[in-house]
Each structure stands twice: as structure tokens, then as C-alpha cells.
Amino acid sequence: MSQFVAEFVGTLFLMLIGNGVVANVVLKDTKGFNSGWIVITTGWAFAVFTGVVIAAPYSGAHINPAVTLGLAIAGEFSWALVPKFILAQMLGAMAGSFIVWLMYKDHFDRTEDPLLKRAVFCTTPAIRNIRSNILSEIIGTFTLIFVIFYVTDPVMGGDTETPIGMGSLGAIPVTFLVWAIGLALGGTTGYAINPARDLGPRIVYSIIPQKGKGDSDWSYSWIPVVAPIFGATLAAMVYLYLAN
């Protein structure tokens, strides 16, 4: 499997499981309807597990542009590969979210609230406050990337031939890391912490022929893209400072 295909497939399954658990919880007449935040955060944690298991041997399992950019800024990943990885992640996120829509189409049709339909695809803040929403995404992403750096450090890891990414933590540790972030830091914005995870599905939501859907909230859409990039950049800078 090529690195591009690994990132595409890994991100596809990340979204299939992650957006799938949201659909199961918020859409009307599903078996998991209204089962709550613990189910969503647990589902997303295992969504990351799934993506990492698939992609780790081939690409290191970035499955997140913030991971790719953070590692490149820290000098642990080639800048030449960054565009290819981000394109694969975006396409995978779009494909995975589209499959979720196909699978849950009957339940989308039975759900009246357009905000719940959109929630399956992308994040929305619990309280819309631009400054605090940006801060939340920065802190969540910083936590993710900072921990990844200390596990993927070539000096600590030893094997510099191993692809660098979330897979370097091992599937189980990164699962618990993302679960902890969701439980502790996800209640404000829904913890996108991944530009592809939010933007790709938001684009899909804007074009699917779903009756009763609302707008895609493009006025907010830049926050779960820009803030995670800033958080990853900050994590890389702090890591480099502490490493010297």
C-alpha cells in the first residue's frame, strides 16, 4: 500500500467510525439514539484506533493535517510529502462521511432538526464565542501533537526508518490519548483537532441532496481548520525549544 493510499483509507475509516457514532447517537430512531457524550467520545477514540491500525505500517498514520504539519515543522517529516498527505486525508474524510450519509439515509430523513443532521458531518461550538472556540481547538490540538512528539522522537524511539505519525505511539496508546482529549477538552467545540475531519465532511454536507438540511455554517468553518494548525505549530515550537 502506498503512503497516499494508506492515508486515504486510514482517514476514510476514521470518519466512517467517528461520524458513524455521531449519527448513531443524534439521528432519530437509531439503536443508539440519545446515548450521550461518553458513547461519542469512545466511538471517536476507536475510530482513531481503526485508522491507525490501517495506515501505521505504510505512512505512520498521520490521518490528520495537523499531525503532518506539526511533524514537518519539527523537522521529523519531509515538507515535500506534506501536500500529498493532506490531499489524501481530505479525500478520505470526504469519502468516509459520504458513506455514513448513505448508510444512515433513512435516519437523516426522519430527523427534523437540521443542526443534528449537520452535527454528523462537522463540529459546532456549544457556546459560540470566537476567542474561546479558537482557544479550545488550539489547546486540544496542542495536547495531541505534543504527546505525539515525545513518543515519535527518533532519539527516544531509536528506529528512524519507521514511518513517523500517530502510529508511532501504538494503536492502543493513541486511542486513550484521543479518548482523554474528547472527555476532558471536547465539550466546548466538539474537538475537531483535525482540519480534514471537519472541512472535508462539511464540504460533503454542503453538496449532498438531503432534504431538510440547513446551511453548512461556513462562518464558523475556518476555526476547526486554522486553530488546529496553530495548535500543531505551537506544539512543534515548544517541543523544539524543550529539546534544545
Protein backbone atom coordinates (compact mmCIF):
# COMPACT_ATOMS: atom_id res chain seq x y z
CA MET A 1 0.00 0.00 0.00
CA SER A 2 1.40 3.43 -0.92
CA GLN A 3 1.59 6.23 1.61
CA PHE A 4 -1.13 8.15 -0.26
CA VAL A 5 -3.49 5.18 -0.26
CA ALA A 6 -2.72 4.45 3.40
CA GLU A 7 -3.59 8.00 4.44
CA PHE A 8 -6.72 7.96 2.28
CA VAL A 9 -8.00 4.63 3.58
CA GLY A 10 -6.98 5.33 7.18
CA THR A 11 -8.79 8.68 7.18
CA LEU A 12 -11.80 7.15 5.44
CA PHE A 13 -12.22 4.63 8.25
CA LEU A 14 -11.53 7.31 10.85
CA MET A 15 -14.54 9.20 9.51
CA LEU A 16 -16.66 6.13 8.91
CA ILE A 17 -16.43 5.13 12.58
CA GLY A 18 -16.22 8.66 14.02
CA ASN A 19 -19.06 10.26 12.09
CA GLY A 20 -20.89 6.95 12.26
CA VAL A 21 -21.04 7.03 16.06
CA VAL A 22 -22.33 10.62 15.96
CA ALA A 23 -25.05 9.56 13.51
CA ASN A 24 -25.99 6.65 15.75
CA VAL A 25 -26.35 8.94 18.77
CA VAL A 26 -28.06 12.04 17.32
CA LEU A 27 -30.25 10.82 14.45
CA LYS A 28 -33.84 9.79 15.09
CA ASP A 29 -34.85 6.13 15.52
CA THR A 30 -31.35 4.64 15.54
CA LYS A 31 -30.48 1.89 18.01
CA GLY A 32 -28.09 4.24 19.77
CA PHE A 33 -30.30 7.34 19.77
CA ASN A 34 -29.59 9.79 22.59
CA SER A 35 -26.94 7.57 24.19
CA GLY A 36 -24.75 10.53 25.03
CA TRP A 37 -21.30 12.08 25.05
CA ILE A 38 -19.48 9.08 26.51
CA VAL A 39 -20.57 6.96 23.55
CA ILE A 40 -19.45 9.64 21.08
CA THR A 41 -16.01 10.15 22.65
CA THR A 42 -15.47 6.40 22.94
CA GLY A 43 -16.51 5.88 19.33
CA TRP A 44 -14.13 8.58 18.14
CA ALA A 45 -11.28 7.09 20.16
CA PHE A 46 -11.78 3.73 18.48
CA ALA A 47 -12.19 5.48 15.14
CA VAL A 48 -8.62 6.71 15.58
CA PHE A 49 -7.58 3.18 16.59
CA THR A 50 -9.06 1.86 13.34
CA GLY A 51 -7.36 4.46 11.17
CA VAL A 52 -4.01 3.97 12.89
CA VAL A 53 -4.09 0.17 12.57
CA ILE A 54 -4.64 0.50 8.81
CA ALA A 55 -2.21 3.30 7.98
CA ALA A 56 0.62 2.95 10.52
CA PRO A 57 2.76 0.36 8.68
CA TYR A 58 2.78 2.38 5.47
CA SER A 59 2.55 6.10 6.27
CA GLY A 60 2.96 6.33 10.04
CA ALA A 61 -0.78 7.07 10.34
CA HIS A 62 -0.99 10.85 10.33
CA ILE A 63 -4.67 10.83 9.20
CA ASN A 64 -4.73 14.50 10.24
CA PRO A 65 -3.17 17.56 8.54
CA ALA A 66 -2.27 18.97 11.96
CA VAL A 67 -0.12 15.91 12.64
CA THR A 68 1.50 16.16 9.21
CA LEU A 69 2.26 19.87 9.56
CA GLY A 70 3.42 19.59 13.16
CA LEU A 71 5.90 16.84 12.35
CA ALA A 72 7.17 18.76 9.32
CA ILE A 73 7.70 21.93 11.38
CA ALA A 74 9.63 19.91 13.94
CA GLY A 75 11.85 18.50 11.19
CA GLU A 76 10.62 14.92 11.63
CA PHE A 77 8.73 14.70 8.33
CA SER A 78 9.60 15.81 4.80
CA TRP A 79 7.91 19.02 3.61
CA ALA A 80 7.86 17.54 0.11
CA LEU A 81 5.36 14.92 1.28
CA VAL A 82 3.04 17.34 3.09
CA PRO A 83 0.74 18.24 0.14
CA LYS A 84 0.31 14.58 -0.82
CA PHE A 85 -0.57 13.55 2.72
CA ILE A 86 -3.06 16.41 3.24
CA LEU A 87 -4.78 15.70 -0.09
CA ALA A 88 -5.16 12.02 0.82
CA GLN A 89 -6.55 12.97 4.24
CA MET A 90 -9.08 15.41 2.78
CA LEU A 91 -10.30 12.93 0.17
CA GLY A 92 -10.51 10.15 2.75
CA ALA A 93 -12.50 12.33 5.13
CA MET A 94 -14.94 13.24 2.37
CA ALA A 95 -15.37 9.63 1.27
CA GLY A 96 -15.89 8.32 4.81
CA SER A 97 -18.50 10.94 5.66
CA PHE A 98 -20.35 10.28 2.42
CA ILE A 99 -20.58 6.56 3.25
CA VAL A 100 -22.02 7.43 6.67
CA TRP A 101 -24.70 9.52 4.97
CA LEU A 102 -25.60 6.65 2.63
CA MET A 103 -25.80 4.18 5.50
CA TYR A 104 -27.93 6.41 7.74
CA LYS A 105 -30.04 7.96 4.96
CA ASP A 106 -33.36 6.73 6.39
CA HIS A 107 -32.50 8.24 9.77
CA PHE A 108 -31.41 11.52 8.23
CA ASP A 109 -34.82 11.65 6.56
CA ARG A 110 -36.62 11.07 9.87
CA THR A 111 -34.60 13.69 11.79
CA GLU A 112 -36.27 17.10 11.71
CA ASP A 113 -33.56 19.22 13.33
CA PRO A 114 -31.11 20.44 10.65
CA LEU A 115 -28.47 21.12 13.31
CA LEU A 116 -28.42 17.44 14.26
CA LYS A 117 -28.04 16.46 10.62
CA ARG A 118 -25.08 18.78 10.25
CA ALA A 119 -23.57 17.55 13.53
CA VAL A 120 -22.96 14.16 11.92
CA PHE A 121 -20.59 15.83 9.47
CA CYS A 122 -18.81 18.65 11.28
CA THR A 123 -18.36 20.41 14.60
CA THR A 124 -20.37 23.22 16.15
CA PRO A 125 -19.46 25.05 19.37
CA ALA A 126 -21.63 24.59 22.44
CA ILE A 127 -21.33 28.34 23.06
CA ARG A 128 -20.38 30.44 20.05
CA ASN A 129 -17.55 32.66 21.21
CA ILE A 130 -14.83 33.05 18.60
CA ARG A 131 -11.97 33.62 21.04
CA SER A 132 -12.80 30.75 23.35
CA ASN A 133 -13.65 28.44 20.43
CA ILE A 134 -10.25 29.12 18.88
CA LEU A 135 -8.53 28.59 22.23
CA SER A 136 -10.33 25.28 22.76
CA GLU A 137 -9.19 23.90 19.42
CA ILE A 138 -5.64 25.16 19.96
CA ILE A 139 -5.39 23.51 23.39
CA GLY A 140 -6.89 20.21 22.19
CA THR A 141 -4.61 20.00 19.16
CA PHE A 142 -1.56 21.12 21.15
CA THR A 143 -2.17 18.25 23.56
CA LEU A 144 -2.45 15.72 20.74
CA ILE A 145 0.64 16.85 18.85
CA PHE A 146 2.83 17.48 21.90
CA VAL A 147 2.31 13.94 23.17
CA ILE A 148 2.98 12.52 19.71
CA PHE A 149 6.32 14.34 19.54
CA TYR A 150 7.59 12.75 22.71
CA VAL A 151 6.75 9.25 21.54
CA THR A 152 8.00 9.70 17.97
CA ASP A 153 11.28 11.40 18.94
CA PRO A 154 13.89 9.48 16.89
CA VAL A 155 16.32 9.63 19.81
CA MET A 156 13.74 8.03 22.10
CA GLY A 157 12.27 5.72 19.50
CA GLY A 158 15.56 4.54 18.04
CA ASP A 159 14.27 3.24 14.71
CA THR A 160 14.42 6.21 12.33
CA GLU A 161 13.29 4.04 9.41
CA THR A 162 9.84 3.56 10.91
CA PRO A 163 7.23 5.92 9.38
CA ILE A 164 6.56 8.79 11.77
CA GLY A 165 2.99 9.59 12.86
CA MET A 166 0.33 8.68 15.38
CA GLY A 167 1.08 5.04 14.68
CA SER A 168 4.43 5.53 16.39
CA LEU A 169 2.56 5.69 19.70
CA GLY A 170 0.92 2.35 19.02
CA ALA A 171 -2.80 2.00 18.32
CA ILE A 172 -3.84 1.49 21.94
CA PRO A 173 -1.98 4.47 23.48
CA VAL A 174 -3.19 6.90 20.81
CA THR A 175 -6.73 5.60 21.36
CA PHE A 176 -6.57 6.52 25.03
CA LEU A 177 -4.96 9.87 24.21
CA VAL A 178 -7.78 10.86 21.86
CA TRP A 179 -10.38 9.50 24.29
CA ALA A 180 -8.89 11.63 27.09
CA ILE A 181 -8.89 14.72 24.87
CA GLY A 182 -12.54 14.16 23.99
CA LEU A 183 -13.61 13.62 27.58
CA ALA A 184 -11.60 16.47 29.07
CA LEU A 185 -11.33 19.09 26.32
CA GLY A 186 -14.07 18.27 23.82
CA GLY A 187 -17.14 19.75 25.48
CA THR A 188 -16.71 23.28 24.15
CA THR A 189 -16.35 22.82 20.39
CA GLY A 190 -16.65 19.09 19.77
CA TYR A 191 -12.84 18.80 19.48
CA ALA A 192 -12.23 18.79 15.73
CA ILE A 193 -8.42 18.86 16.34
CA ASN A 194 -8.15 17.80 12.69
CA PRO A 195 -8.76 20.16 9.74
CA ALA A 196 -9.58 17.33 7.32
CA ARG A 197 -12.02 15.76 9.80
CA ASP A 198 -14.09 18.95 9.82
CA LEU A 199 -13.63 20.59 6.43
CA GLY A 200 -13.92 17.50 4.23
CA PRO A 201 -17.27 16.35 5.66
CA ARG A 202 -18.55 19.93 5.77
CA ILE A 203 -17.98 20.16 2.02
CA VAL A 204 -19.82 16.85 1.54
CA TYR A 205 -22.71 18.09 3.67
CA SER A 206 -22.98 21.21 1.52
CA ILE A 207 -23.48 19.19 -1.69
CA ILE A 208 -25.48 16.09 -0.68
CA PRO A 209 -29.15 16.13 -1.77
CA GLN A 210 -30.52 15.78 1.77
CA LYS A 211 -33.97 17.18 2.39
CA GLY A 212 -34.43 19.43 5.39
CA LYS A 213 -30.75 20.15 5.88
CA GLY A 214 -29.62 23.58 7.00
CA ASP A 215 -26.64 25.64 5.97
CA SER A 216 -23.06 24.44 6.38
CA ASP A 217 -22.13 27.24 8.81
CA TRP A 218 -19.21 28.45 6.72
CA SER A 219 -18.80 31.44 9.04
CA TYR A 220 -17.51 29.06 11.71
CA SER A 221 -15.77 26.56 9.41
CA TRP A 222 -12.39 28.32 9.43
CA ILE A 223 -11.91 27.82 13.18
CA PRO A 224 -11.58 23.99 13.15
CA VAL A 225 -9.10 24.41 10.29
CA VAL A 226 -6.93 27.34 11.39
CA ALA A 227 -6.90 26.72 15.15
CA PRO A 228 -5.65 23.10 14.93
CA ILE A 229 -2.89 24.23 12.54
CA PHE A 230 -1.89 26.92 15.03
CA GLY A 231 -2.03 24.42 17.90
CA ALA A 232 0.19 21.99 15.98
CA THR A 233 2.64 24.78 15.14
CA LEU A 234 2.80 25.87 18.78
CA ALA A 235 3.34 22.28 19.91
CA ALA A 236 6.21 21.90 17.43
CA MET A 237 7.84 25.13 18.60
CA VAL A 238 7.58 24.22 22.28
CA TYR A 239 8.90 20.73 21.55
CA LEU A 240 11.91 22.12 19.65
CA TYR A 241 12.60 24.61 22.44
CA LEU A 242 12.50 21.96 25.15
CA ALA A 243 14.57 19.54 23.09
CA ASN A 244 17.46 22.01 22.82
